[in-house]
Amino acid sequence: VRVWTLVSGLTGTATGFALTTWTSMDWPLVVGGKPIVSIPAYIIIAFEMTILFGALGTIIGLFVLSRLPSIKPTVVYDPEFSSGRYGVYVEGNHQSLEEARQIMNEQQPIELREGELDD
């Protein structure tokens, strides 16, 4: 997510300077012989655009890297999970599933289901 924030922040800085420079060049206001493009005045806009783009980039990066929202629904849901029971989903190879089954049987579960997911 840090890279997303950095790239978005730098994009915001460049956008802030480009926006203010283009606006000043397109609609020049010559007052008292001051230069049309004045970088110190543009730092405020560039800073604000950096913060805005950085925050938006962080949020977008968070959603993209954590794969949210989940497009395909989960197939391990059981309606009994909403009425006072809970489930544990274990995924892995044969050896890790055997270990998980042994640990769960030690806890004396009410019900233990096994199955395979269809991709």
PDB file of N, CA and C in Angstrom:
ATOM      1  N   VAL A   1       0.838  -1.187   0.000  1.00  0.00           N
ATOM      2  CA  VAL A   1       0.000   0.000   0.000  1.00  0.00           C
ATOM      3  C   VAL A   1       0.884   1.252   0.000  1.00  0.00           C
ATOM      4  N   ARG A   2       2.099   1.154   0.582  1.00  0.00           N
ATOM      5  CA  ARG A   2       2.975   2.322   0.619  1.00  0.00           C
ATOM      6  C   ARG A   2       3.334   2.818  -0.766  1.00  0.00           C
ATOM      7  N   VAL A   3       3.552   1.878  -1.686  1.00  0.00           N
ATOM      8  CA  VAL A   3       3.903   2.275  -3.049  1.00  0.00           C
ATOM      9  C   VAL A   3       2.724   2.988  -3.706  1.00  0.00           C
ATOM     10  N   TRP A   4       1.522   2.475  -3.472  1.00  0.00           N
ATOM     11  CA  TRP A   4       0.324   3.119  -4.015  1.00  0.00           C
ATOM     12  C   TRP A   4       0.213   4.552  -3.489  1.00  0.00           C
ATOM     13  N   THR A   5       0.458   4.739  -2.197  1.00  0.00           N
ATOM     14  CA  THR A   5       0.371   6.067  -1.593  1.00  0.00           C
ATOM     15  C   THR A   5       1.433   6.993  -2.169  1.00  0.00           C
ATOM     16  N   LEU A   6       2.659   6.509  -2.308  1.00  0.00           N
ATOM     17  CA  LEU A   6       3.746   7.325  -2.843  1.00  0.00           C
ATOM     18  C   LEU A   6       3.469   7.751  -4.273  1.00  0.00           C
ATOM     19  N   VAL A   7       3.099   6.797  -5.114  1.00  0.00           N
ATOM     20  CA  VAL A   7       2.828   7.114  -6.524  1.00  0.00           C
ATOM     21  C   VAL A   7       1.648   8.071  -6.634  1.00  0.00           C
ATOM     22  N   SER A   8       0.605   7.842  -5.855  1.00  0.00           N
ATOM     23  CA  SER A   8      -0.562   8.726  -5.898  1.00  0.00           C
ATOM     24  C   SER A   8      -0.205  10.119  -5.391  1.00  0.00           C
ATOM     25  N   GLY A   9       0.585  10.212  -4.339  1.00  0.00           N
ATOM     26  CA  GLY A   9       0.996  11.505  -3.817  1.00  0.00           C
ATOM     27  C   GLY A   9       1.832  12.283  -4.813  1.00  0.00           C
ATOM     28  N   LEU A  10       2.787  11.612  -5.465  1.00  0.00           N
ATOM     29  CA  LEU A  10       3.600  12.293  -6.482  1.00  0.00           C
ATOM     30  C   LEU A  10       2.755  12.711  -7.684  1.00  0.00           C
ATOM     31  N   THR A  11       1.787  11.881  -8.031  1.00  0.00           N
ATOM     32  CA  THR A  11       0.861  12.248  -9.107  1.00  0.00           C
ATOM     33  C   THR A  11       0.043  13.474  -8.706  1.00  0.00           C
ATOM     34  N   GLY A  12      -0.377  13.528  -7.450  1.00  0.00           N
ATOM     35  CA  GLY A  12      -1.118  14.683  -6.957  1.00  0.00           C
ATOM     36  C   GLY A  12      -0.284  15.959  -6.979  1.00  0.00           C
ATOM     37  N   THR A  13       0.996  15.845  -6.603  1.00  0.00           N
ATOM     38  CA  THR A  13       1.882  17.010  -6.637  1.00  0.00           C
ATOM     39  C   THR A  13       2.035  17.525  -8.064  1.00  0.00           C
ATOM     40  N   ALA A  14       2.308  16.617  -8.997  1.00  0.00           N
ATOM     41  CA  ALA A  14       2.453  17.009 -10.397  1.00  0.00           C
ATOM     42  C   ALA A  14       1.154  17.599 -10.935  1.00  0.00           C
ATOM     43  N   THR A  15       0.032  17.005 -10.561  1.00  0.00           N
ATOM     44  CA  THR A  15      -1.264  17.520 -11.007  1.00  0.00           C
ATOM     45  C   THR A  15      -1.530  18.908 -10.438  1.00  0.00           C
ATOM     46  N   GLY A  16      -1.192  19.119  -9.159  1.00  0.00           N
ATOM     47  CA  GLY A  16      -1.391  20.437  -8.543  1.00  0.00           C
ATOM     48  C   GLY A  16      -0.595  21.527  -9.239  1.00  0.00           C
ATOM     49  N   PHE A  17       0.695  21.251  -9.503  1.00  0.00           N
ATOM     50  CA  PHE A  17       1.517  22.241 -10.201  1.00  0.00           C
ATOM     51  C   PHE A  17       1.052  22.436 -11.634  1.00  0.00           C
ATOM     52  N   ALA A  18       0.686  21.350 -12.330  1.00  0.00           N
ATOM     53  CA  ALA A  18       0.228  21.459 -13.713  1.00  0.00           C
ATOM     54  C   ALA A  18      -1.085  22.235 -13.799  1.00  0.00           C
ATOM     55  N   LEU A  19      -2.004  21.964 -12.881  1.00  0.00           N
ATOM     56  CA  LEU A  19      -3.297  22.647 -12.884  1.00  0.00           C
ATOM     57  C   LEU A  19      -3.137  24.153 -12.665  1.00  0.00           C
ATOM     58  N   THR A  20      -2.355  24.525 -11.662  1.00  0.00           N
ATOM     59  CA  THR A  20      -2.196  25.954 -11.377  1.00  0.00           C
ATOM     60  C   THR A  20      -1.407  26.663 -12.473  1.00  0.00           C
ATOM     61  N   THR A  21      -0.394  26.014 -13.024  1.00  0.00           N
ATOM     62  CA  THR A  21       0.378  26.630 -14.112  1.00  0.00           C
ATOM     63  C   THR A  21      -0.487  26.796 -15.350  1.00  0.00           C
ATOM     64  N   TRP A  22      -1.246  25.754 -15.703  1.00  0.00           N
ATOM     65  CA  TRP A  22      -2.107  25.846 -16.886  1.00  0.00           C
ATOM     66  C   TRP A  22      -3.170  26.926 -16.697  1.00  0.00           C
ATOM     67  N   THR A  23      -3.763  27.000 -15.513  1.00  0.00           N
ATOM     68  CA  THR A  23      -4.789  28.008 -15.256  1.00  0.00           C
ATOM     69  C   THR A  23      -4.210  29.418 -15.370  1.00  0.00           C
ATOM     70  N   SER A  24      -3.015  29.635 -14.833  1.00  0.00           N
ATOM     71  CA  SER A  24      -2.389  30.954 -14.912  1.00  0.00           C
ATOM     72  C   SER A  24      -2.008  31.322 -16.338  1.00  0.00           C
ATOM     73  N   MET A  25      -1.571  30.348 -17.108  1.00  0.00           N
ATOM     74  CA  MET A  25      -1.193  30.628 -18.495  1.00  0.00           C
ATOM     75  C   MET A  25      -2.426  30.843 -19.379  1.00  0.00           C
ATOM     76  N   ASP A  26      -3.513  30.140 -19.084  1.00  0.00           N
ATOM     77  CA  ASP A  26      -4.712  30.249 -19.903  1.00  0.00           C
ATOM     78  C   ASP A  26      -5.485  31.531 -19.605  1.00  0.00           C
ATOM     79  N   TRP A  27      -5.530  31.946 -18.346  1.00  0.00           N
ATOM     80  CA  TRP A  27      -6.213  33.177 -17.955  1.00  0.00           C
ATOM     81  C   TRP A  27      -5.248  34.076 -17.177  1.00  0.00           C
ATOM     82  N   PRO A  28      -4.342  34.727 -17.867  1.00  0.00           N
ATOM     83  CA  PRO A  28      -3.328  35.520 -17.161  1.00  0.00           C
ATOM     84  C   PRO A  28      -3.925  36.774 -16.501  1.00  0.00           C
ATOM     85  N   LEU A  29      -3.490  37.016 -15.278  1.00  0.00           N
ATOM     86  CA  LEU A  29      -3.841  38.233 -14.543  1.00  0.00           C
ATOM     87  C   LEU A  29      -2.532  38.936 -14.180  1.00  0.00           C
ATOM     88  N   VAL A  30      -2.131  39.873 -14.992  1.00  0.00           N
ATOM     89  CA  VAL A  30      -0.887  40.589 -14.736  1.00  0.00           C
ATOM     90  C   VAL A  30      -1.202  41.732 -13.782  1.00  0.00           C
ATOM     91  N   VAL A  31      -0.656  41.649 -12.563  1.00  0.00           N
ATOM     92  CA  VAL A  31      -0.917  42.647 -11.536  1.00  0.00           C
ATOM     93  C   VAL A  31       0.426  43.160 -11.021  1.00  0.00           C
ATOM     94  N   GLY A  32       0.683  44.433 -11.203  1.00  0.00           N
ATOM     95  CA  GLY A  32       1.884  45.046 -10.647  1.00  0.00           C
ATOM     96  C   GLY A  32       3.176  44.481 -11.198  1.00  0.00           C
ATOM     97  N   GLY A  33       3.180  43.933 -12.400  1.00  0.00           N
ATOM     98  CA  GLY A  33       4.393  43.409 -13.006  1.00  0.00           C
ATOM     99  C   GLY A  33       4.864  42.091 -12.427  1.00  0.00           C
ATOM    100  N   LYS A  34       4.026  41.427 -11.655  1.00  0.00           N
ATOM    101  CA  LYS A  34       4.414  40.134 -11.082  1.00  0.00           C
ATOM    102  C   LYS A  34       4.411  39.070 -12.179  1.00  0.00           C
ATOM    103  N   PRO A  35       5.214  38.022 -12.006  1.00  0.00           N
ATOM    104  CA  PRO A  35       5.228  36.968 -13.035  1.00  0.00           C
ATOM    105  C   PRO A  35       3.895  36.222 -13.080  1.00  0.00           C
ATOM    106  N   ILE A  36       3.553  35.741 -14.265  1.00  0.00           N
ATOM    107  CA  ILE A  36       2.287  35.022 -14.427  1.00  0.00           C
ATOM    108  C   ILE A  36       2.363  33.669 -13.703  1.00  0.00           C
ATOM    109  N   VAL A  37       3.481  32.985 -13.854  1.00  0.00           N
ATOM    110  CA  VAL A  37       3.668  31.698 -13.178  1.00  0.00           C
ATOM    111  C   VAL A  37       4.538  31.939 -11.948  1.00  0.00           C
ATOM    112  N   SER A  38       3.923  31.795 -10.772  1.00  0.00           N
ATOM    113  CA  SER A  38       4.619  32.044  -9.511  1.00  0.00           C
ATOM    114  C   SER A  38       4.580  30.773  -8.661  1.00  0.00           C
ATOM    115  N   ILE A  39       5.670  30.042  -8.666  1.00  0.00           N
ATOM    116  CA  ILE A  39       5.736  28.737  -8.004  1.00  0.00           C
ATOM    117  C   ILE A  39       5.417  28.804  -6.501  1.00  0.00           C
ATOM    118  N   PRO A  40       5.925  29.763  -5.724  1.00  0.00           N
ATOM    119  CA  PRO A  40       5.611  29.737  -4.286  1.00  0.00           C
ATOM    120  C   PRO A  40       4.110  29.757  -3.980  1.00  0.00           C
ATOM    121  N   ALA A  41       3.335  30.439  -4.785  1.00  0.00           N
ATOM    122  CA  ALA A  41       1.893  30.472  -4.548  1.00  0.00           C
ATOM    123  C   ALA A  41       1.233  29.138  -4.880  1.00  0.00           C
ATOM    124  N   TYR A  42       1.870  28.359  -5.734  1.00  0.00           N
ATOM    125  CA  TYR A  42       1.285  27.088  -6.163  1.00  0.00           C
ATOM    126  C   TYR A  42       1.582  25.944  -5.204  1.00  0.00           C
ATOM    127  N   ILE A  43       2.482  26.151  -4.264  1.00  0.00           N
ATOM    128  CA  ILE A  43       2.857  25.083  -3.339  1.00  0.00           C
ATOM    129  C   ILE A  43       1.662  24.654  -2.491  1.00  0.00           C
ATOM    130  N   ILE A  44       0.814  25.579  -2.130  1.00  0.00           N
ATOM    131  CA  ILE A  44      -0.358  25.251  -1.308  1.00  0.00           C
ATOM    132  C   ILE A  44      -1.290  24.309  -2.068  1.00  0.00           C
ATOM    133  N   ILE A  45      -1.574  24.639  -3.322  1.00  0.00           N
ATOM    134  CA  ILE A  45      -2.459  23.798  -4.133  1.00  0.00           C
ATOM    135  C   ILE A  45      -1.807  22.437  -4.371  1.00  0.00           C
ATOM    136  N   ALA A  46      -0.510  22.431  -4.653  1.00  0.00           N
ATOM    137  CA  ALA A  46       0.190  21.167  -4.882  1.00  0.00           C
ATOM    138  C   ALA A  46       0.165  20.292  -3.621  1.00  0.00           C
ATOM    139  N   PHE A  47       0.330  20.911  -2.460  1.00  0.00           N
ATOM    140  CA  PHE A  47       0.282  20.157  -1.204  1.00  0.00           C
ATOM    141  C   PHE A  47      -1.096  19.541  -1.000  1.00  0.00           C
ATOM    142  N   GLU A  48      -2.128  20.307  -1.217  1.00  0.00           N
ATOM    143  CA  GLU A  48      -3.493  19.792  -1.041  1.00  0.00           C
ATOM    144  C   GLU A  48      -3.801  18.669  -2.026  1.00  0.00           C
ATOM    145  N   MET A  49      -3.340  18.809  -3.248  1.00  0.00           N
ATOM    146  CA  MET A  49      -3.553  17.753  -4.240  1.00  0.00           C
ATOM    147  C   MET A  49      -2.753  16.499  -3.869  1.00  0.00           C
ATOM    148  N   THR A  50      -1.573  16.683  -3.280  1.00  0.00           N
ATOM    149  CA  THR A  50      -0.776  15.546  -2.820  1.00  0.00           C
ATOM    150  C   THR A  50      -1.525  14.764  -1.756  1.00  0.00           C
ATOM    151  N   ILE A  51      -2.085  15.484  -0.787  1.00  0.00           N
ATOM    152  CA  ILE A  51      -2.834  14.826   0.289  1.00  0.00           C
ATOM    153  C   ILE A  51      -4.071  14.121  -0.275  1.00  0.00           C
ATOM    154  N   LEU A  52      -4.808  14.800  -1.141  1.00  0.00           N
ATOM    155  CA  LEU A  52      -6.019  14.215  -1.720  1.00  0.00           C
ATOM    156  C   LEU A  52      -5.704  12.959  -2.532  1.00  0.00           C
ATOM    157  N   PHE A  53      -4.763  13.053  -3.457  1.00  0.00           N
ATOM    158  CA  PHE A  53      -4.433  11.908  -4.299  1.00  0.00           C
ATOM    159  C   PHE A  53      -3.805  10.790  -3.471  1.00  0.00           C
ATOM    160  N   GLY A  54      -2.975  11.132  -2.490  1.00  0.00           N
ATOM    161  CA  GLY A  54      -2.369  10.117  -1.635  1.00  0.00           C
ATOM    162  C   GLY A  54      -3.407   9.336  -0.849  1.00  0.00           C
ATOM    163  N   ALA A  55      -4.391  10.043  -0.297  1.00  0.00           N
ATOM    164  CA  ALA A  55      -5.452   9.373   0.461  1.00  0.00           C
ATOM    165  C   ALA A  55      -6.288   8.475  -0.453  1.00  0.00           C
ATOM    166  N   LEU A  56      -6.663   8.992  -1.610  1.00  0.00           N
ATOM    167  CA  LEU A  56      -7.454   8.184  -2.541  1.00  0.00           C
ATOM    168  C   LEU A  56      -6.662   6.984  -3.045  1.00  0.00           C
ATOM    169  N   GLY A  57      -5.375   7.175  -3.315  1.00  0.00           N
ATOM    170  CA  GLY A  57      -4.526   6.068  -3.753  1.00  0.00           C
ATOM    171  C   GLY A  57      -4.375   5.001  -2.684  1.00  0.00           C
ATOM    172  N   THR A  58      -4.300   5.432  -1.421  1.00  0.00           N
ATOM    173  CA  THR A  58      -4.205   4.479  -0.321  1.00  0.00           C
ATOM    174  C   THR A  58      -5.469   3.633  -0.230  1.00  0.00           C
ATOM    175  N   ILE A  59      -6.618   4.271  -0.349  1.00  0.00           N
ATOM    176  CA  ILE A  59      -7.885   3.542  -0.276  1.00  0.00           C
ATOM    177  C   ILE A  59      -8.025   2.589  -1.456  1.00  0.00           C
ATOM    178  N   ILE A  60      -7.690   3.061  -2.645  1.00  0.00           N
ATOM    179  CA  ILE A  60      -7.776   2.194  -3.831  1.00  0.00           C
ATOM    180  C   ILE A  60      -6.792   1.032  -3.709  1.00  0.00           C
ATOM    181  N   GLY A  61      -5.569   1.313  -3.255  1.00  0.00           N
ATOM    182  CA  GLY A  61      -4.577   0.262  -3.060  1.00  0.00           C
ATOM    183  C   GLY A  61      -5.024  -0.765  -2.035  1.00  0.00           C
ATOM    184  N   LEU A  62      -5.659  -0.287  -0.968  1.00  0.00           N
ATOM    185  CA  LEU A  62      -6.173  -1.197   0.053  1.00  0.00           C
ATOM    186  C   LEU A  62      -7.204  -2.152  -0.528  1.00  0.00           C
ATOM    187  N   PHE A  63      -8.130  -1.608  -1.301  1.00  0.00           N
ATOM    188  CA  PHE A  63      -9.165  -2.455  -1.893  1.00  0.00           C
ATOM    189  C   PHE A  63      -8.588  -3.410  -2.936  1.00  0.00           C
ATOM    190  N   VAL A  64      -7.672  -2.938  -3.757  1.00  0.00           N
ATOM    191  CA  VAL A  64      -7.109  -3.784  -4.811  1.00  0.00           C
ATOM    192  C   VAL A  64      -6.246  -4.892  -4.212  1.00  0.00           C
ATOM    193  N   LEU A  65      -5.365  -4.544  -3.276  1.00  0.00           N
ATOM    194  CA  LEU A  65      -4.450  -5.542  -2.728  1.00  0.00           C
ATOM    195  C   LEU A  65      -5.129  -6.537  -1.789  1.00  0.00           C
ATOM    196  N   SER A  66      -6.240  -6.147  -1.180  1.00  0.00           N
ATOM    197  CA  SER A  66      -6.951  -7.098  -0.318  1.00  0.00           C
ATOM    198  C   SER A  66      -8.094  -7.784  -1.065  1.00  0.00           C
ATOM    199  N   ARG A  67      -8.163  -7.546  -2.354  1.00  0.00           N
ATOM    200  CA  ARG A  67      -9.156  -8.173  -3.239  1.00  0.00           C
ATOM    201  C   ARG A  67     -10.589  -7.936  -2.769  1.00  0.00           C
ATOM    202  N   LEU A  68     -10.851  -6.700  -2.386  1.00  0.00           N
ATOM    203  CA  LEU A  68     -12.204  -6.327  -1.978  1.00  0.00           C
ATOM    204  C   LEU A  68     -12.851  -5.518  -3.079  1.00  0.00           C
ATOM    205  N   PRO A  69     -14.091  -5.551  -3.323  1.00  0.00           N
ATOM    206  CA  PRO A  69     -15.034  -6.513  -2.787  1.00  0.00           C
ATOM    207  C   PRO A  69     -14.854  -7.859  -3.480  1.00  0.00           C
ATOM    208  N   SER A  70     -15.247  -8.900  -2.796  1.00  0.00           N
ATOM    209  CA  SER A  70     -15.137 -10.242  -3.346  1.00  0.00           C
ATOM    210  C   SER A  70     -16.220 -10.425  -4.404  1.00  0.00           C
ATOM    211  N   ILE A  71     -15.799 -10.692  -5.615  1.00  0.00           N
ATOM    212  CA  ILE A  71     -16.750 -10.808  -6.723  1.00  0.00           C
ATOM    213  C   ILE A  71     -17.533 -12.118  -6.646  1.00  0.00           C
ATOM    214  N   LYS A  72     -16.839 -13.224  -6.417  1.00  0.00           N
ATOM    215  CA  LYS A  72     -17.556 -14.497  -6.359  1.00  0.00           C
ATOM    216  C   LYS A  72     -17.924 -14.812  -4.908  1.00  0.00           C
ATOM    217  N   PRO A  73     -19.135 -15.220  -4.685  1.00  0.00           N
ATOM    218  CA  PRO A  73     -19.567 -15.491  -3.308  1.00  0.00           C
ATOM    219  C   PRO A  73     -18.896 -16.737  -2.741  1.00  0.00           C
ATOM    220  N   THR A  74     -18.759 -16.768  -1.456  1.00  0.00           N
ATOM    221  CA  THR A  74     -18.151 -17.922  -0.811  1.00  0.00           C
ATOM    222  C   THR A  74     -19.154 -19.075  -0.801  1.00  0.00           C
ATOM    223  N   VAL A  75     -18.642 -20.276  -0.941  1.00  0.00           N
ATOM    224  CA  VAL A  75     -19.517 -21.448  -1.010  1.00  0.00           C
ATOM    225  C   VAL A  75     -19.514 -22.217   0.294  1.00  0.00           C
ATOM    226  N   VAL A  76     -18.856 -21.716   1.320  1.00  0.00           N
ATOM    227  CA  VAL A  76     -18.782 -22.431   2.586  1.00  0.00           C
ATOM    228  C   VAL A  76     -19.745 -21.856   3.617  1.00  0.00           C
ATOM    229  N   TYR A  77     -20.717 -21.116   3.190  1.00  0.00           N
ATOM    230  CA  TYR A  77     -21.691 -20.530   4.122  1.00  0.00           C
ATOM    231  C   TYR A  77     -22.794 -21.545   4.422  1.00  0.00           C
ATOM    232  N   ASP A  78     -23.237 -21.553   5.662  1.00  0.00           N
ATOM    233  CA  ASP A  78     -24.341 -22.403   6.097  1.00  0.00           C
ATOM    234  C   ASP A  78     -25.299 -21.518   6.882  1.00  0.00           C
ATOM    235  N   PRO A  79     -26.597 -21.572   6.638  1.00  0.00           N
ATOM    236  CA  PRO A  79     -27.542 -20.727   7.376  1.00  0.00           C
ATOM    237  C   PRO A  79     -27.479 -20.909   8.887  1.00  0.00           C
ATOM    238  N   GLU A  80     -26.998 -22.048   9.371  1.00  0.00           N
ATOM    239  CA  GLU A  80     -26.902 -22.261  10.823  1.00  0.00           C
ATOM    240  C   GLU A  80     -25.868 -21.343  11.470  1.00  0.00           C
ATOM    241  N   PHE A  81     -24.955 -20.776  10.667  1.00  0.00           N
ATOM    242  CA  PHE A  81     -23.953 -19.864  11.208  1.00  0.00           C
ATOM    243  C   PHE A  81     -24.604 -18.600  11.761  1.00  0.00           C
ATOM    244  N   SER A  82     -25.781 -18.265  11.273  1.00  0.00           N
ATOM    245  CA  SER A  82     -26.472 -17.051  11.728  1.00  0.00           C
ATOM    246  C   SER A  82     -27.368 -17.301  12.934  1.00  0.00           C
ATOM    247  N   SER A  83     -27.489 -18.549  13.372  1.00  0.00           N
ATOM    248  CA  SER A  83     -28.411 -18.837  14.470  1.00  0.00           C
ATOM    249  C   SER A  83     -27.690 -19.470  15.671  1.00  0.00           C
ATOM    250  N   GLY A  84     -26.557 -18.918  16.039  1.00  0.00           N
ATOM    251  CA  GLY A  84     -25.900 -19.363  17.255  1.00  0.00           C
ATOM    252  C   GLY A  84     -24.798 -20.378  17.080  1.00  0.00           C
ATOM    253  N   ARG A  85     -24.547 -20.844  15.885  1.00  0.00           N
ATOM    254  CA  ARG A  85     -23.458 -21.788  15.656  1.00  0.00           C
ATOM    255  C   ARG A  85     -22.381 -21.100  14.826  1.00  0.00           C
ATOM    256  N   TYR A  86     -21.217 -21.656  14.819  1.00  0.00           N
ATOM    257  CA  TYR A  86     -20.151 -21.106  13.991  1.00  0.00           C
ATOM    258  C   TYR A  86     -19.441 -22.229  13.269  1.00  0.00           C
ATOM    259  N   GLY A  87     -18.719 -21.849  12.222  1.00  0.00           N
ATOM    260  CA  GLY A  87     -18.018 -22.835  11.420  1.00  0.00           C
ATOM    261  C   GLY A  87     -16.558 -22.462  11.265  1.00  0.00           C
ATOM    262  N   VAL A  88     -15.765 -23.461  11.017  1.00  0.00           N
ATOM    263  CA  VAL A  88     -14.339 -23.275  10.764  1.00  0.00           C
ATOM    264  C   VAL A  88     -14.048 -23.861   9.391  1.00  0.00           C
ATOM    265  N   TYR A  89     -13.486 -23.054   8.524  1.00  0.00           N
ATOM    266  CA  TYR A  89     -13.135 -23.497   7.179  1.00  0.00           C
ATOM    267  C   TYR A  89     -11.629 -23.712   7.131  1.00  0.00           C
ATOM    268  N   VAL A  90     -11.215 -24.887   6.721  1.00  0.00           N
ATOM    269  CA  VAL A  90      -9.791 -25.224   6.648  1.00  0.00           C
ATOM    270  C   VAL A  90      -9.481 -25.636   5.218  1.00  0.00           C
ATOM    271  N   GLU A  91      -8.447 -25.046   4.669  1.00  0.00           N
ATOM    272  CA  GLU A  91      -8.030 -25.376   3.313  1.00  0.00           C
ATOM    273  C   GLU A  91      -6.555 -25.751   3.346  1.00  0.00           C
ATOM    274  N   GLY A  92      -6.175 -26.764   2.628  1.00  0.00           N
ATOM    275  CA  GLY A  92      -4.770 -27.156   2.600  1.00  0.00           C
ATOM    276  C   GLY A  92      -4.574 -28.500   1.950  1.00  0.00           C
ATOM    277  N   ASN A  93      -3.363 -29.012   2.108  1.00  0.00           N
ATOM    278  CA  ASN A  93      -3.066 -30.322   1.529  1.00  0.00           C
ATOM    279  C   ASN A  93      -3.549 -31.431   2.466  1.00  0.00           C
ATOM    280  N   HIS A  94      -3.366 -32.672   2.072  1.00  0.00           N
ATOM    281  CA  HIS A  94      -3.909 -33.815   2.822  1.00  0.00           C
ATOM    282  C   HIS A  94      -3.356 -33.875   4.247  1.00  0.00           C
ATOM    283  N   GLN A  95      -2.058 -33.642   4.408  1.00  0.00           N
ATOM    284  CA  GLN A  95      -1.438 -33.737   5.729  1.00  0.00           C
ATOM    285  C   GLN A  95      -1.966 -32.655   6.673  1.00  0.00           C
ATOM    286  N   SER A  96      -2.069 -31.423   6.190  1.00  0.00           N
ATOM    287  CA  SER A  96      -2.568 -30.352   7.065  1.00  0.00           C
ATOM    288  C   SER A  96      -4.050 -30.550   7.388  1.00  0.00           C
ATOM    289  N   LEU A  97      -4.807 -31.139   6.477  1.00  0.00           N
ATOM    290  CA  LEU A  97      -6.213 -31.408   6.763  1.00  0.00           C
ATOM    291  C   LEU A  97      -6.358 -32.497   7.819  1.00  0.00           C
ATOM    292  N   GLU A  98      -5.487 -33.486   7.772  1.00  0.00           N
ATOM    293  CA  GLU A  98      -5.515 -34.529   8.804  1.00  0.00           C
ATOM    294  C   GLU A  98      -5.199 -33.940  10.181  1.00  0.00           C
ATOM    295  N   GLU A  99      -4.199 -33.043  10.235  1.00  0.00           N
ATOM    296  CA  GLU A  99      -3.855 -32.392  11.506  1.00  0.00           C
ATOM    297  C   GLU A  99      -5.019 -31.548  12.017  1.00  0.00           C
ATOM    298  N   ALA A 100      -5.663 -30.816  11.124  1.00  0.00           N
ATOM    299  CA  ALA A 100      -6.803 -29.980  11.517  1.00  0.00           C
ATOM    300  C   ALA A 100      -7.961 -30.847  12.005  1.00  0.00           C
ATOM    301  N   ARG A 101      -8.206 -31.961  11.316  1.00  0.00           N
ATOM    302  CA  ARG A 101      -9.280 -32.864  11.728  1.00  0.00           C
ATOM    303  C   ARG A 101      -8.995 -33.431  13.126  1.00  0.00           C
ATOM    304  N   GLN A 102      -7.751 -33.791  13.392  1.00  0.00           N
ATOM    305  CA  GLN A 102      -7.385 -34.342  14.696  1.00  0.00           C
ATOM    306  C   GLN A 102      -7.572 -33.298  15.800  1.00  0.00           C
ATOM    307  N   ILE A 103      -7.145 -32.062  15.546  1.00  0.00           N
ATOM    308  CA  ILE A 103      -7.306 -30.991  16.539  1.00  0.00           C
ATOM    309  C   ILE A 103      -8.784 -30.724  16.805  1.00  0.00           C
ATOM    310  N   MET A 104      -9.585 -30.698  15.742  1.00  0.00           N
ATOM    311  CA  MET A 104     -11.013 -30.432  15.926  1.00  0.00           C
ATOM    312  C   MET A 104     -11.709 -31.569  16.667  1.00  0.00           C
ATOM    313  N   ASN A 105     -11.343 -32.806  16.389  1.00  0.00           N
ATOM    314  CA  ASN A 105     -11.955 -33.941  17.086  1.00  0.00           C
ATOM    315  C   ASN A 105     -11.612 -33.942  18.574  1.00  0.00           C
ATOM    316  N   GLU A 106     -10.450 -33.416  18.934  1.00  0.00           N
ATOM    317  CA  GLU A 106     -10.089 -33.306  20.351  1.00  0.00           C
ATOM    318  C   GLU A 106     -11.017 -32.345  21.099  1.00  0.00           C
ATOM    319  N   GLN A 107     -11.589 -31.395  20.394  1.00  0.00           N
ATOM    320  CA  GLN A 107     -12.462 -30.398  21.013  1.00  0.00           C
ATOM    321  C   GLN A 107     -13.920 -30.857  21.059  1.00  0.00           C
ATOM    322  N   GLN A 108     -14.213 -32.042  20.621  1.00  0.00           N
ATOM    323  CA  GLN A 108     -15.546 -32.640  20.620  1.00  0.00           C
ATOM    324  C   GLN A 108     -16.583 -31.745  19.936  1.00  0.00           C
ATOM    325  N   PRO A 109     -16.466 -31.596  18.632  1.00  0.00           N
ATOM    326  CA  PRO A 109     -17.415 -30.742  17.915  1.00  0.00           C
ATOM    327  C   PRO A 109     -18.797 -31.373  17.855  1.00  0.00           C
ATOM    328  N   ILE A 110     -19.816 -30.530  17.702  1.00  0.00           N
ATOM    329  CA  ILE A 110     -21.181 -31.025  17.524  1.00  0.00           C
ATOM    330  C   ILE A 110     -21.301 -31.718  16.179  1.00  0.00           C
ATOM    331  N   GLU A 111     -20.697 -31.133  15.182  1.00  0.00           N
ATOM    332  CA  GLU A 111     -20.780 -31.695  13.842  1.00  0.00           C
ATOM    333  C   GLU A 111     -19.485 -31.361  13.098  1.00  0.00           C
ATOM    334  N   LEU A 112     -19.012 -32.284  12.303  1.00  0.00           N
ATOM    335  CA  LEU A 112     -17.808 -32.082  11.507  1.00  0.00           C
ATOM    336  C   LEU A 112     -18.121 -32.503  10.081  1.00  0.00           C
ATOM    337  N   ARG A 113     -18.068 -31.539   9.162  1.00  0.00           N
ATOM    338  CA  ARG A 113     -18.374 -31.822   7.761  1.00  0.00           C
ATOM    339  C   ARG A 113     -17.107 -31.697   6.935  1.00  0.00           C
ATOM    340  N   GLU A 114     -17.022 -32.512   5.928  1.00  0.00           N
ATOM    341  CA  GLU A 114     -15.910 -32.452   4.985  1.00  0.00           C
ATOM    342  C   GLU A 114     -16.476 -32.364   3.580  1.00  0.00           C
ATOM    343  N   GLY A 115     -15.768 -31.672   2.748  1.00  0.00           N
ATOM    344  CA  GLY A 115     -16.208 -31.554   1.370  1.00  0.00           C
ATOM    345  C   GLY A 115     -15.121 -30.925   0.532  1.00  0.00           C
ATOM    346  N   GLU A 116     -15.403 -30.803  -0.752  1.00  0.00           N
ATOM    347  CA  GLU A 116     -14.467 -30.177  -1.668  1.00  0.00           C
ATOM    348  C   GLU A 116     -15.164 -29.033  -2.362  1.00  0.00           C
ATOM    349  N   LEU A 117     -14.414 -27.978  -2.598  1.00  0.00           N
ATOM    350  CA  LEU A 117     -14.950 -26.804  -3.268  1.00  0.00           C
ATOM    351  C   LEU A 117     -14.837 -26.966  -4.767  1.00  0.00           C
ATOM    352  N   ASP A 118     -15.837 -26.480  -5.470  1.00  0.00           N
ATOM    353  CA  ASP A 118     -15.789 -26.456  -6.929  1.00  0.00           C
ATOM    354  C   ASP A 118     -15.293 -25.087  -7.348  1.00  0.00           C
ATOM    355  N   ASP A 119     -14.262 -25.049  -8.193  1.00  0.00           N
ATOM    356  CA  ASP A 119     -13.724 -23.751  -8.644  1.00  0.00           C
ATOM    357  C   ASP A 119     -14.475 -23.215  -9.808  1.00  0.00           C
TER     358      ASP A 119
END
